[in-house]
Amino acid sequence: MDANEVVLGGELTEIEALRHTPAGIPLIHFKLVHRSRQVEAGYKRQVECEINGVAMAEAALAIGRLKAGQAVRVGGFLNRKNRMSKQLMLHAIEIAISEEGQHAISTTQRTQGQGQG
């Protein structure tokens, strides 16, 4: 099984300063809070969760232009924070501002980087 795709809407509550990896790739950490109503087993339930995220390259630059409090939709995948941690982290590949019109900020192709380490 190799399916690992996430799309999550929410509010950016924290955005750290943009940094660069030793290879010069832009990198940024953020926190996303999601609140919604979902139906499970025929019952409506209130859903609220918070997840730490990281973005690299164009997605990092896009998040770096945003402000805490903005509503966004983030597409990406889940991974551990690091190899010693069990904490999940959202790795953002696509970012869109959640407003009327759904303005896309970053649309990185999922196929980019496949086959690389």
PDB file of N, CA and C in Angstrom:
ATOM      1  N   MET A   1       0.834  -1.184   0.000  1.00  0.00           N
ATOM      2  CA  MET A   1       0.000   0.000   0.000  1.00  0.00           C
ATOM      3  C   MET A   1       0.874   1.241   0.000  1.00  0.00           C
ATOM      4  N   ASP A   2       0.618   2.115  -0.952  1.00  0.00           N
ATOM      5  CA  ASP A   2       1.424   3.327  -0.989  1.00  0.00           C
ATOM      6  C   ASP A   2       0.579   4.592  -1.047  1.00  0.00           C
ATOM      7  N   ALA A   3      -0.743   4.491  -0.840  1.00  0.00           N
ATOM      8  CA  ALA A   3      -1.596   5.679  -0.847  1.00  0.00           C
ATOM      9  C   ALA A   3      -1.320   6.516   0.398  1.00  0.00           C
ATOM     10  N   ASN A   4      -1.011   7.774   0.202  1.00  0.00           N
ATOM     11  CA  ASN A   4      -0.773   8.704   1.299  1.00  0.00           C
ATOM     12  C   ASN A   4      -1.017  10.106   0.753  1.00  0.00           C
ATOM     13  N   GLU A   5      -2.269  10.470   0.623  1.00  0.00           N
ATOM     14  CA  GLU A   5      -2.647  11.783   0.117  1.00  0.00           C
ATOM     15  C   GLU A   5      -3.630  12.413   1.082  1.00  0.00           C
ATOM     16  N   VAL A   6      -3.418  13.682   1.387  1.00  0.00           N
ATOM     17  CA  VAL A   6      -4.260  14.401   2.330  1.00  0.00           C
ATOM     18  C   VAL A   6      -4.652  15.740   1.714  1.00  0.00           C
ATOM     19  N   VAL A   7      -5.916  16.112   1.872  1.00  0.00           N
ATOM     20  CA  VAL A   7      -6.369  17.471   1.587  1.00  0.00           C
ATOM     21  C   VAL A   7      -7.100  17.922   2.835  1.00  0.00           C
ATOM     22  N   LEU A   8      -6.641  19.014   3.425  1.00  0.00           N
ATOM     23  CA  LEU A   8      -7.210  19.478   4.682  1.00  0.00           C
ATOM     24  C   LEU A   8      -7.380  20.986   4.624  1.00  0.00           C
ATOM     25  N   GLY A   9      -8.573  21.438   4.932  1.00  0.00           N
ATOM     26  CA  GLY A   9      -8.835  22.871   5.010  1.00  0.00           C
ATOM     27  C   GLY A   9      -8.760  23.319   6.447  1.00  0.00           C
ATOM     28  N   GLY A  10      -8.367  24.554   6.652  1.00  0.00           N
ATOM     29  CA  GLY A  10      -8.304  25.069   8.005  1.00  0.00           C
ATOM     30  C   GLY A  10      -7.690  26.445   8.054  1.00  0.00           C
ATOM     31  N   GLU A  11      -7.335  26.844   9.253  1.00  0.00           N
ATOM     32  CA  GLU A  11      -6.754  28.161   9.491  1.00  0.00           C
ATOM     33  C   GLU A  11      -5.290  28.010   9.881  1.00  0.00           C
ATOM     34  N   LEU A  12      -4.445  28.786   9.232  1.00  0.00           N
ATOM     35  CA  LEU A  12      -3.031  28.820   9.617  1.00  0.00           C
ATOM     36  C   LEU A  12      -2.939  29.584  10.929  1.00  0.00           C
ATOM     37  N   THR A  13      -2.518  28.917  11.988  1.00  0.00           N
ATOM     38  CA  THR A  13      -2.428  29.594  13.281  1.00  0.00           C
ATOM     39  C   THR A  13      -1.006  30.017  13.615  1.00  0.00           C
ATOM     40  N   GLU A  14      -0.033  29.363  13.022  1.00  0.00           N
ATOM     41  CA  GLU A  14       1.376  29.735  13.218  1.00  0.00           C
ATOM     42  C   GLU A  14       2.115  29.540  11.905  1.00  0.00           C
ATOM     43  N   ILE A  15       2.980  30.489  11.588  1.00  0.00           N
ATOM     44  CA  ILE A  15       3.855  30.363  10.423  1.00  0.00           C
ATOM     45  C   ILE A  15       5.241  30.804  10.876  1.00  0.00           C
ATOM     46  N   GLU A  16       6.193  29.898  10.842  1.00  0.00           N
ATOM     47  CA  GLU A  16       7.559  30.239  11.248  1.00  0.00           C
ATOM     48  C   GLU A  16       8.264  30.994  10.122  1.00  0.00           C
ATOM     49  N   ALA A  17       9.414  31.520  10.420  1.00  0.00           N
ATOM     50  CA  ALA A  17      10.195  32.240   9.417  1.00  0.00           C
ATOM     51  C   ALA A  17      10.691  31.275   8.339  1.00  0.00           C
ATOM     52  N   LEU A  18      10.720  31.760   7.115  1.00  0.00           N
ATOM     53  CA  LEU A  18      11.229  30.980   5.990  1.00  0.00           C
ATOM     54  C   LEU A  18      12.722  30.733   6.186  1.00  0.00           C
ATOM     55  N   ARG A  19      13.144  29.482   6.006  1.00  0.00           N
ATOM     56  CA  ARG A  19      14.562  29.114   6.091  1.00  0.00           C
ATOM     57  C   ARG A  19      14.948  28.435   4.793  1.00  0.00           C
ATOM     58  N   HIS A  20      16.186  28.027   4.701  1.00  0.00           N
ATOM     59  CA  HIS A  20      16.664  27.276   3.538  1.00  0.00           C
ATOM     60  C   HIS A  20      17.466  26.073   4.018  1.00  0.00           C
ATOM     61  N   THR A  21      17.317  24.959   3.318  1.00  0.00           N
ATOM     62  CA  THR A  21      18.100  23.764   3.622  1.00  0.00           C
ATOM     63  C   THR A  21      19.547  24.022   3.208  1.00  0.00           C
ATOM     64  N   PRO A  22      20.484  23.170   3.630  1.00  0.00           N
ATOM     65  CA  PRO A  22      21.870  23.326   3.177  1.00  0.00           C
ATOM     66  C   PRO A  22      21.995  23.314   1.645  1.00  0.00           C
ATOM     67  N   ALA A  23      21.044  22.679   0.969  1.00  0.00           N
ATOM     68  CA  ALA A  23      21.057  22.648  -0.499  1.00  0.00           C
ATOM     69  C   ALA A  23      20.405  23.890  -1.101  1.00  0.00           C
ATOM     70  N   GLY A  24      19.935  24.811  -0.248  1.00  0.00           N
ATOM     71  CA  GLY A  24      19.345  26.051  -0.734  1.00  0.00           C
ATOM     72  C   GLY A  24      17.855  25.988  -1.031  1.00  0.00           C
ATOM     73  N   ILE A  25      17.181  24.917  -0.614  1.00  0.00           N
ATOM     74  CA  ILE A  25      15.746  24.768  -0.875  1.00  0.00           C
ATOM     75  C   ILE A  25      14.957  25.490   0.220  1.00  0.00           C
ATOM     76  N   PRO A  26      14.021  26.374  -0.159  1.00  0.00           N
ATOM     77  CA  PRO A  26      13.203  27.055   0.844  1.00  0.00           C
ATOM     78  C   PRO A  26      12.399  26.048   1.669  1.00  0.00           C
ATOM     79  N   LEU A  27      12.276  26.327   2.976  1.00  0.00           N
ATOM     80  CA  LEU A  27      11.586  25.432   3.905  1.00  0.00           C
ATOM     81  C   LEU A  27      10.864  26.284   4.942  1.00  0.00           C
ATOM     82  N   ILE A  28       9.628  25.898   5.268  1.00  0.00           N
ATOM     83  CA  ILE A  28       8.877  26.642   6.283  1.00  0.00           C
ATOM     84  C   ILE A  28       8.006  25.677   7.081  1.00  0.00           C
ATOM     85  N   HIS A  29       7.892  25.924   8.382  1.00  0.00           N
ATOM     86  CA  HIS A  29       7.020  25.140   9.257  1.00  0.00           C
ATOM     87  C   HIS A  29       5.786  25.975   9.587  1.00  0.00           C
ATOM     88  N   PHE A  30       4.653  25.296   9.758  1.00  0.00           N
ATOM     89  CA  PHE A  30       3.402  25.991  10.055  1.00  0.00           C
ATOM     90  C   PHE A  30       2.509  25.087  10.892  1.00  0.00           C
ATOM     91  N   LYS A  31       1.446  25.674  11.438  1.00  0.00           N
ATOM     92  CA  LYS A  31       0.441  24.912  12.177  1.00  0.00           C
ATOM     93  C   LYS A  31      -0.912  25.218  11.552  1.00  0.00           C
ATOM     94  N   LEU A  32      -1.709  24.163  11.325  1.00  0.00           N
ATOM     95  CA  LEU A  32      -3.026  24.277  10.709  1.00  0.00           C
ATOM     96  C   LEU A  32      -4.080  23.739  11.676  1.00  0.00           C
ATOM     97  N   VAL A  33      -5.140  24.518  11.916  1.00  0.00           N
ATOM     98  CA  VAL A  33      -6.263  24.084  12.746  1.00  0.00           C
ATOM     99  C   VAL A  33      -7.460  23.871  11.833  1.00  0.00           C
ATOM    100  N   HIS A  34      -8.056  22.686  11.927  1.00  0.00           N
ATOM    101  CA  HIS A  34      -9.216  22.313  11.111  1.00  0.00           C
ATOM    102  C   HIS A  34     -10.445  22.197  12.001  1.00  0.00           C
ATOM    103  N   ARG A  35     -11.553  22.792  11.557  1.00  0.00           N
ATOM    104  CA  ARG A  35     -12.840  22.662  12.242  1.00  0.00           C
ATOM    105  C   ARG A  35     -13.901  22.415  11.186  1.00  0.00           C
ATOM    106  N   SER A  36     -14.717  21.381  11.379  1.00  0.00           N
ATOM    107  CA  SER A  36     -15.791  21.093  10.422  1.00  0.00           C
ATOM    108  C   SER A  36     -16.844  20.208  11.069  1.00  0.00           C
ATOM    109  N   ARG A  37     -17.911  19.964  10.320  1.00  0.00           N
ATOM    110  CA  ARG A  37     -18.937  18.998  10.705  1.00  0.00           C
ATOM    111  C   ARG A  37     -18.867  17.875   9.688  1.00  0.00           C
ATOM    112  N   GLN A  38     -18.774  16.653  10.170  1.00  0.00           N
ATOM    113  CA  GLN A  38     -18.673  15.478   9.311  1.00  0.00           C
ATOM    114  C   GLN A  38     -19.755  14.480   9.694  1.00  0.00           C
ATOM    115  N   VAL A  39     -20.071  13.603   8.776  1.00  0.00           N
ATOM    116  CA  VAL A  39     -21.035  12.540   9.049  1.00  0.00           C
ATOM    117  C   VAL A  39     -20.269  11.226   9.144  1.00  0.00           C
ATOM    118  N   GLU A  40     -20.484  10.517  10.257  1.00  0.00           N
ATOM    119  CA  GLU A  40     -19.844   9.226  10.477  1.00  0.00           C
ATOM    120  C   GLU A  40     -20.911   8.257  10.972  1.00  0.00           C
ATOM    121  N   ALA A  41     -21.038   7.129  10.302  1.00  0.00           N
ATOM    122  CA  ALA A  41     -22.035   6.115  10.659  1.00  0.00           C
ATOM    123  C   ALA A  41     -23.439   6.716  10.743  1.00  0.00           C
ATOM    124  N   GLY A  42     -23.703   7.682   9.865  1.00  0.00           N
ATOM    125  CA  GLY A  42     -25.019   8.299   9.817  1.00  0.00           C
ATOM    126  C   GLY A  42     -25.255   9.402  10.830  1.00  0.00           C
ATOM    127  N   TYR A  43     -24.265   9.722  11.653  1.00  0.00           N
ATOM    128  CA  TYR A  43     -24.408  10.751  12.674  1.00  0.00           C
ATOM    129  C   TYR A  43     -23.486  11.924  12.380  1.00  0.00           C
ATOM    130  N   LYS A  44     -24.003  13.137  12.593  1.00  0.00           N
ATOM    131  CA  LYS A  44     -23.181  14.334  12.436  1.00  0.00           C
ATOM    132  C   LYS A  44     -22.305  14.486  13.672  1.00  0.00           C
ATOM    133  N   ARG A  45     -21.082  14.883  13.432  1.00  0.00           N
ATOM    134  CA  ARG A  45     -20.188  15.145  14.557  1.00  0.00           C
ATOM    135  C   ARG A  45     -19.329  16.355  14.254  1.00  0.00           C
ATOM    136  N   GLN A  46     -18.972  17.048  15.318  1.00  0.00           N
ATOM    137  CA  GLN A  46     -18.089  18.201  15.217  1.00  0.00           C
ATOM    138  C   GLN A  46     -16.655  17.682  15.211  1.00  0.00           C
ATOM    139  N   VAL A  47     -15.869  18.135  14.250  1.00  0.00           N
ATOM    140  CA  VAL A  47     -14.481  17.697  14.128  1.00  0.00           C
ATOM    141  C   VAL A  47     -13.572  18.901  14.345  1.00  0.00           C
ATOM    142  N   GLU A  48     -12.555  18.724  15.160  1.00  0.00           N
ATOM    143  CA  GLU A  48     -11.562  19.765  15.371  1.00  0.00           C
ATOM    144  C   GLU A  48     -10.220  19.090  15.599  1.00  0.00           C
ATOM    145  N   CYS A  49      -9.225  19.518  14.850  1.00  0.00           N
ATOM    146  CA  CYS A  49      -7.881  18.973  15.035  1.00  0.00           C
ATOM    147  C   CYS A  49      -6.847  20.026  14.662  1.00  0.00           C
ATOM    148  N   GLU A  50      -5.639  19.791  15.115  1.00  0.00           N
ATOM    149  CA  GLU A  50      -4.523  20.689  14.857  1.00  0.00           C
ATOM    150  C   GLU A  50      -3.360  19.830  14.394  1.00  0.00           C
ATOM    151  N   ILE A  51      -2.673  20.272  13.346  1.00  0.00           N
ATOM    152  CA  ILE A  51      -1.544  19.495  12.850  1.00  0.00           C
ATOM    153  C   ILE A  51      -0.401  20.433  12.489  1.00  0.00           C
ATOM    154  N   ASN A  52       0.802  19.993  12.800  1.00  0.00           N
ATOM    155  CA  ASN A  52       1.992  20.720  12.381  1.00  0.00           C
ATOM    156  C   ASN A  52       2.292  20.354  10.944  1.00  0.00           C
ATOM    157  N   GLY A  53       2.810  21.320  10.205  1.00  0.00           N
ATOM    158  CA  GLY A  53       3.116  21.074   8.809  1.00  0.00           C
ATOM    159  C   GLY A  53       4.456  21.648   8.411  1.00  0.00           C
ATOM    160  N   VAL A  54       4.926  21.188   7.266  1.00  0.00           N
ATOM    161  CA  VAL A  54       6.162  21.682   6.682  1.00  0.00           C
ATOM    162  C   VAL A  54       5.953  21.769   5.177  1.00  0.00           C
ATOM    163  N   ALA A  55       6.556  22.763   4.570  1.00  0.00           N
ATOM    164  CA  ALA A  55       6.491  22.916   3.120  1.00  0.00           C
ATOM    165  C   ALA A  55       7.879  23.262   2.616  1.00  0.00           C
ATOM    166  N   MET A  56       8.169  22.805   1.400  1.00  0.00           N
ATOM    167  CA  MET A  56       9.468  23.073   0.789  1.00  0.00           C
ATOM    168  C   MET A  56       9.262  23.667  -0.598  1.00  0.00           C
ATOM    169  N   ALA A  57      10.308  24.293  -1.103  1.00  0.00           N
ATOM    170  CA  ALA A  57      10.347  24.829  -2.465  1.00  0.00           C
ATOM    171  C   ALA A  57       9.224  25.851  -2.678  1.00  0.00           C
ATOM    172  N   GLU A  58       8.490  25.742  -3.799  1.00  0.00           N
ATOM    173  CA  GLU A  58       7.446  26.716  -4.134  1.00  0.00           C
ATOM    174  C   GLU A  58       6.347  26.776  -3.084  1.00  0.00           C
ATOM    175  N   ALA A  59       5.974  25.640  -2.515  1.00  0.00           N
ATOM    176  CA  ALA A  59       4.936  25.628  -1.479  1.00  0.00           C
ATOM    177  C   ALA A  59       5.396  26.419  -0.253  1.00  0.00           C
ATOM    178  N   ALA A  60       6.678  26.344   0.095  1.00  0.00           N
ATOM    179  CA  ALA A  60       7.213  27.106   1.226  1.00  0.00           C
ATOM    180  C   ALA A  60       7.153  28.601   0.940  1.00  0.00           C
ATOM    181  N   LEU A  61       7.509  28.988  -0.271  1.00  0.00           N
ATOM    182  CA  LEU A  61       7.449  30.402  -0.644  1.00  0.00           C
ATOM    183  C   LEU A  61       6.012  30.908  -0.590  1.00  0.00           C
ATOM    184  N   ALA A  62       5.064  30.074  -1.033  1.00  0.00           N
ATOM    185  CA  ALA A  62       3.653  30.457  -1.014  1.00  0.00           C
ATOM    186  C   ALA A  62       3.168  30.665   0.418  1.00  0.00           C
ATOM    187  N   ILE A  63       3.480  29.743   1.314  1.00  0.00           N
ATOM    188  CA  ILE A  63       3.056  29.879   2.710  1.00  0.00           C
ATOM    189  C   ILE A  63       3.739  31.076   3.350  1.00  0.00           C
ATOM    190  N   GLY A  64       4.983  31.332   2.981  1.00  0.00           N
ATOM    191  CA  GLY A  64       5.712  32.471   3.518  1.00  0.00           C
ATOM    192  C   GLY A  64       5.072  33.807   3.187  1.00  0.00           C
ATOM    193  N   ARG A  65       4.250  33.856   2.140  1.00  0.00           N
ATOM    194  CA  ARG A  65       3.552  35.092   1.763  1.00  0.00           C
ATOM    195  C   ARG A  65       2.224  35.256   2.512  1.00  0.00           C
ATOM    196  N   LEU A  66       1.823  34.241   3.252  1.00  0.00           N
ATOM    197  CA  LEU A  66       0.547  34.280   3.963  1.00  0.00           C
ATOM    198  C   LEU A  66       0.725  34.798   5.385  1.00  0.00           C
ATOM    199  N   LYS A  67      -0.408  35.013   6.054  1.00  0.00           N
ATOM    200  CA  LYS A  67      -0.393  35.494   7.431  1.00  0.00           C
ATOM    201  C   LYS A  67      -1.162  34.526   8.309  1.00  0.00           C
ATOM    202  N   ALA A  68      -0.771  34.443   9.566  1.00  0.00           N
ATOM    203  CA  ALA A  68      -1.527  33.634  10.528  1.00  0.00           C
ATOM    204  C   ALA A  68      -2.959  34.144  10.555  1.00  0.00           C
ATOM    205  N   GLY A  69      -3.903  33.214  10.634  1.00  0.00           N
ATOM    206  CA  GLY A  69      -5.314  33.567  10.632  1.00  0.00           C
ATOM    207  C   GLY A  69      -5.976  33.356   9.286  1.00  0.00           C
ATOM    208  N   GLN A  70      -5.175  33.161   8.227  1.00  0.00           N
ATOM    209  CA  GLN A  70      -5.759  32.945   6.906  1.00  0.00           C
ATOM    210  C   GLN A  70      -6.288  31.526   6.771  1.00  0.00           C
ATOM    211  N   ALA A  71      -7.426  31.405   6.084  1.00  0.00           N
ATOM    212  CA  ALA A  71      -8.022  30.101   5.803  1.00  0.00           C
ATOM    213  C   ALA A  71      -7.422  29.556   4.513  1.00  0.00           C
ATOM    214  N   VAL A  72      -7.003  28.292   4.543  1.00  0.00           N
ATOM    215  CA  VAL A  72      -6.353  27.667   3.385  1.00  0.00           C
ATOM    216  C   VAL A  72      -6.832  26.232   3.212  1.00  0.00           C
ATOM    217  N   ARG A  73      -6.551  25.688   2.048  1.00  0.00           N
ATOM    218  CA  ARG A  73      -6.670  24.246   1.781  1.00  0.00           C
ATOM    219  C   ARG A  73      -5.264  23.771   1.459  1.00  0.00           C
ATOM    220  N   VAL A  74      -4.836  22.735   2.151  1.00  0.00           N
ATOM    221  CA  VAL A  74      -3.485  22.203   1.979  1.00  0.00           C
ATOM    222  C   VAL A  74      -3.587  20.782   1.437  1.00  0.00           C
ATOM    223  N   GLY A  75      -2.873  20.512   0.370  1.00  0.00           N
ATOM    224  CA  GLY A  75      -2.781  19.164  -0.177  1.00  0.00           C
ATOM    225  C   GLY A  75      -1.369  18.655   0.007  1.00  0.00           C
ATOM    226  N   GLY A  76      -1.235  17.406   0.385  1.00  0.00           N
ATOM    227  CA  GLY A  76       0.097  16.854   0.587  1.00  0.00           C
ATOM    228  C   GLY A  76       0.034  15.430   1.101  1.00  0.00           C
ATOM    229  N   PHE A  77       0.970  15.087   1.983  1.00  0.00           N
ATOM    230  CA  PHE A  77       1.044  13.733   2.529  1.00  0.00           C
ATOM    231  C   PHE A  77       1.474  13.798   3.985  1.00  0.00           C
ATOM    232  N   LEU A  78       1.300  12.686   4.695  1.00  0.00           N
ATOM    233  CA  LEU A  78       1.683  12.590   6.102  1.00  0.00           C
ATOM    234  C   LEU A  78       2.973  11.803   6.254  1.00  0.00           C
ATOM    235  N   ASN A  79       3.791  12.225   7.211  1.00  0.00           N
ATOM    236  CA  ASN A  79       5.005  11.500   7.563  1.00  0.00           C
ATOM    237  C   ASN A  79       5.305  11.794   9.033  1.00  0.00           C
ATOM    238  N   ARG A  80       6.206  11.028   9.608  1.00  0.00           N
ATOM    239  CA  ARG A  80       6.643  11.307  10.975  1.00  0.00           C
ATOM    240  C   ARG A  80       7.436  12.609  10.988  1.00  0.00           C
ATOM    241  N   LYS A  81       7.439  13.255  12.149  1.00  0.00           N
ATOM    242  CA  LYS A  81       8.199  14.496  12.307  1.00  0.00           C
ATOM    243  C   LYS A  81       9.680  14.244  12.027  1.00  0.00           C
ATOM    244  N   ASN A  82      10.180  13.142  12.532  1.00  0.00           N
ATOM    245  CA  ASN A  82      11.547  12.693  12.239  1.00  0.00           C
ATOM    246  C   ASN A  82      11.589  11.193  12.495  1.00  0.00           C
ATOM    247  N   ARG A  83      12.688  10.567  12.202  1.00  0.00           N
ATOM    248  CA  ARG A  83      12.724   9.103  12.284  1.00  0.00           C
ATOM    249  C   ARG A  83      12.582   8.566  13.707  1.00  0.00           C
ATOM    250  N   MET A  84      12.834   9.400  14.707  1.00  0.00           N
ATOM    251  CA  MET A  84      12.711   8.975  16.103  1.00  0.00           C
ATOM    252  C   MET A  84      11.339   9.311  16.703  1.00  0.00           C
ATOM    253  N   SER A  85      10.493   9.990  15.958  1.00  0.00           N
ATOM    254  CA  SER A  85       9.215  10.469  16.475  1.00  0.00           C
ATOM    255  C   SER A  85       8.048   9.679  15.900  1.00  0.00           C
ATOM    256  N   LYS A  86       6.973   9.602  16.670  1.00  0.00           N
ATOM    257  CA  LYS A  86       5.731   9.014  16.167  1.00  0.00           C
ATOM    258  C   LYS A  86       4.723  10.105  15.817  1.00  0.00           C
ATOM    259  N   GLN A  87       5.083  11.365  16.069  1.00  0.00           N
ATOM    260  CA  GLN A  87       4.184  12.484  15.790  1.00  0.00           C
ATOM    261  C   GLN A  87       4.055  12.689  14.285  1.00  0.00           C
ATOM    262  N   LEU A  88       2.802  12.799  13.815  1.00  0.00           N
ATOM    263  CA  LEU A  88       2.564  13.021  12.394  1.00  0.00           C
ATOM    264  C   LEU A  88       2.776  14.475  12.017  1.00  0.00           C
ATOM    265  N   MET A  89       3.231  14.680  10.789  1.00  0.00           N
ATOM    266  CA  MET A  89       3.413  16.016  10.248  1.00  0.00           C
ATOM    267  C   MET A  89       2.847  16.035   8.837  1.00  0.00           C
ATOM    268  N   LEU A  90       2.154  17.118   8.499  1.00  0.00           N
ATOM    269  CA  LEU A  90       1.609  17.306   7.160  1.00  0.00           C
ATOM    270  C   LEU A  90       2.670  17.947   6.278  1.00  0.00           C
ATOM    271  N   HIS A  91       3.043  17.263   5.213  1.00  0.00           N
ATOM    272  CA  HIS A  91       4.002  17.802   4.244  1.00  0.00           C
ATOM    273  C   HIS A  91       3.198  18.419   3.110  1.00  0.00           C
ATOM    274  N   ALA A  92       3.203  19.741   3.033  1.00  0.00           N
ATOM    275  CA  ALA A  92       2.373  20.469   2.074  1.00  0.00           C
ATOM    276  C   ALA A  92       3.023  20.498   0.700  1.00  0.00           C
ATOM    277  N   ILE A  93       2.232  20.164  -0.308  1.00  0.00           N
ATOM    278  CA  ILE A  93       2.674  20.233  -1.698  1.00  0.00           C
ATOM    279  C   ILE A  93       1.881  21.298  -2.448  1.00  0.00           C
ATOM    280  N   GLU A  94       0.597  21.417  -2.111  1.00  0.00           N
ATOM    281  CA  GLU A  94      -0.281  22.396  -2.753  1.00  0.00           C
ATOM    282  C   GLU A  94      -0.960  23.241  -1.686  1.00  0.00           C
ATOM    283  N   ILE A  95      -1.049  24.548  -1.934  1.00  0.00           N
ATOM    284  CA  ILE A  95      -1.674  25.475  -1.005  1.00  0.00           C
ATOM    285  C   ILE A  95      -2.653  26.338  -1.791  1.00  0.00           C
ATOM    286  N   ALA A  96      -3.849  26.519  -1.253  1.00  0.00           N
ATOM    287  CA  ALA A  96      -4.826  27.421  -1.871  1.00  0.00           C
ATOM    288  C   ALA A  96      -5.502  28.224  -0.774  1.00  0.00           C
ATOM    289  N   ILE A  97      -5.701  29.519  -1.011  1.00  0.00           N
ATOM    290  CA  ILE A  97      -6.440  30.351  -0.073  1.00  0.00           C
ATOM    291  C   ILE A  97      -7.900  29.939  -0.143  1.00  0.00           C
ATOM    292  N   SER A  98      -8.532  29.727   1.002  1.00  0.00           N
ATOM    293  CA  SER A  98      -9.947  29.338   1.053  1.00  0.00           C
ATOM    294  C   SER A  98     -10.812  30.586   1.127  1.00  0.00           C
ATOM    295  N   GLU A  99     -11.154  31.106  -0.040  1.00  0.00           N
ATOM    296  CA  GLU A  99     -12.044  32.251  -0.160  1.00  0.00           C
ATOM    297  C   GLU A  99     -12.964  31.966  -1.326  1.00  0.00           C
ATOM    298  N   GLU A 100     -13.905  32.852  -1.558  1.00  0.00           N
ATOM    299  CA  GLU A 100     -14.717  32.707  -2.757  1.00  0.00           C
ATOM    300  C   GLU A 100     -13.775  32.756  -3.946  1.00  0.00           C
ATOM    301  N   GLY A 101     -13.911  31.794  -4.825  1.00  0.00           N
ATOM    302  CA  GLY A 101     -13.046  31.732  -5.991  1.00  0.00           C
ATOM    303  C   GLY A 101     -11.881  30.782  -5.810  1.00  0.00           C
ATOM    304  N   GLN A 102     -11.582  30.371  -4.565  1.00  0.00           N
ATOM    305  CA  GLN A 102     -10.498  29.418  -4.312  1.00  0.00           C
ATOM    306  C   GLN A 102      -9.246  29.751  -5.117  1.00  0.00           C
ATOM    307  N   HIS A 103      -8.614  30.863  -4.838  1.00  0.00           N
ATOM    308  CA  HIS A 103      -7.416  31.280  -5.574  1.00  0.00           C
ATOM    309  C   HIS A 103      -6.244  30.358  -5.271  1.00  0.00           C
ATOM    310  N   ALA A 104      -5.718  29.721  -6.273  1.00  0.00           N
ATOM    311  CA  ALA A 104      -4.575  28.823  -6.079  1.00  0.00           C
ATOM    312  C   ALA A 104      -3.316  29.647  -5.882  1.00  0.00           C
ATOM    313  N   ILE A 105      -2.510  29.257  -4.915  1.00  0.00           N
ATOM    314  CA  ILE A 105      -1.233  29.920  -4.688  1.00  0.00           C
ATOM    315  C   ILE A 105      -0.107  29.062  -5.232  1.00  0.00           C
ATOM    316  N   SER A 106      -0.152  27.790  -4.935  1.00  0.00           N
ATOM    317  CA  SER A 106       0.915  26.886  -5.359  1.00  0.00           C
ATOM    318  C   SER A 106       0.290  25.599  -5.854  1.00  0.00           C
ATOM    319  N   THR A 107       0.657  25.191  -7.035  1.00  0.00           N
ATOM    320  CA  THR A 107       0.170  23.916  -7.559  1.00  0.00           C
ATOM    321  C   THR A 107       1.361  23.143  -8.085  1.00  0.00           C
ATOM    322  N   THR A 108       2.059  22.501  -7.196  1.00  0.00           N
ATOM    323  CA  THR A 108       3.225  21.705  -7.545  1.00  0.00           C
ATOM    324  C   THR A 108       2.759  20.341  -8.019  1.00  0.00           C
ATOM    325  N   GLN A 109       3.285  19.860  -9.114  1.00  0.00           N
ATOM    326  CA  GLN A 109       2.902  18.552  -9.640  1.00  0.00           C
ATOM    327  C   GLN A 109       3.361  17.457  -8.687  1.00  0.00           C
ATOM    328  N   ARG A 110       2.485  16.486  -8.414  1.00  0.00           N
ATOM    329  CA  ARG A 110       2.825  15.357  -7.546  1.00  0.00           C
ATOM    330  C   ARG A 110       3.940  14.510  -8.137  1.00  0.00           C
ATOM    331  N   THR A 111       4.117  14.557  -9.445  1.00  0.00           N
ATOM    332  CA  THR A 111       5.129  13.712 -10.067  1.00  0.00           C
ATOM    333  C   THR A 111       6.527  14.296  -9.926  1.00  0.00           C
ATOM    334  N   GLN A 112       6.641  15.568  -9.560  1.00  0.00           N
ATOM    335  CA  GLN A 112       7.964  16.147  -9.404  1.00  0.00           C
ATOM    336  C   GLN A 112       8.688  15.464  -8.262  1.00  0.00           C
ATOM    337  N   GLY A 113       9.927  15.148  -8.468  1.00  0.00           N
ATOM    338  CA  GLY A 113      10.739  14.569  -7.414  1.00  0.00           C
ATOM    339  C   GLY A 113      10.586  13.075  -7.250  1.00  0.00           C
ATOM    340  N   GLN A 114       9.684  12.427  -7.984  1.00  0.00           N
ATOM    341  CA  GLN A 114       9.562  10.984  -7.855  1.00  0.00           C
ATOM    342  C   GLN A 114      10.839  10.342  -8.363  1.00  0.00           C
ATOM    343  N   GLY A 115      11.267   9.347  -7.633  1.00  0.00           N
ATOM    344  CA  GLY A 115      12.487   8.659  -8.009  1.00  0.00           C
ATOM    345  C   GLY A 115      13.714   9.252  -7.351  1.00  0.00           C
ATOM    346  N   GLN A 116      13.528  10.366  -6.613  1.00  0.00           N
ATOM    347  CA  GLN A 116      14.656  10.958  -5.913  1.00  0.00           C
ATOM    348  C   GLN A 116      14.620  10.514  -4.467  1.00  0.00           C
ATOM    349  N   GLY A 117      15.775  10.185  -3.906  1.00  0.00           N
ATOM    350  CA  GLY A 117      16.019   9.722  -2.600  1.00  0.00           C
ATOM    351  C   GLY A 117      15.066   9.871  -1.567  1.00  0.00           C
TER     352      GLY A 117
END
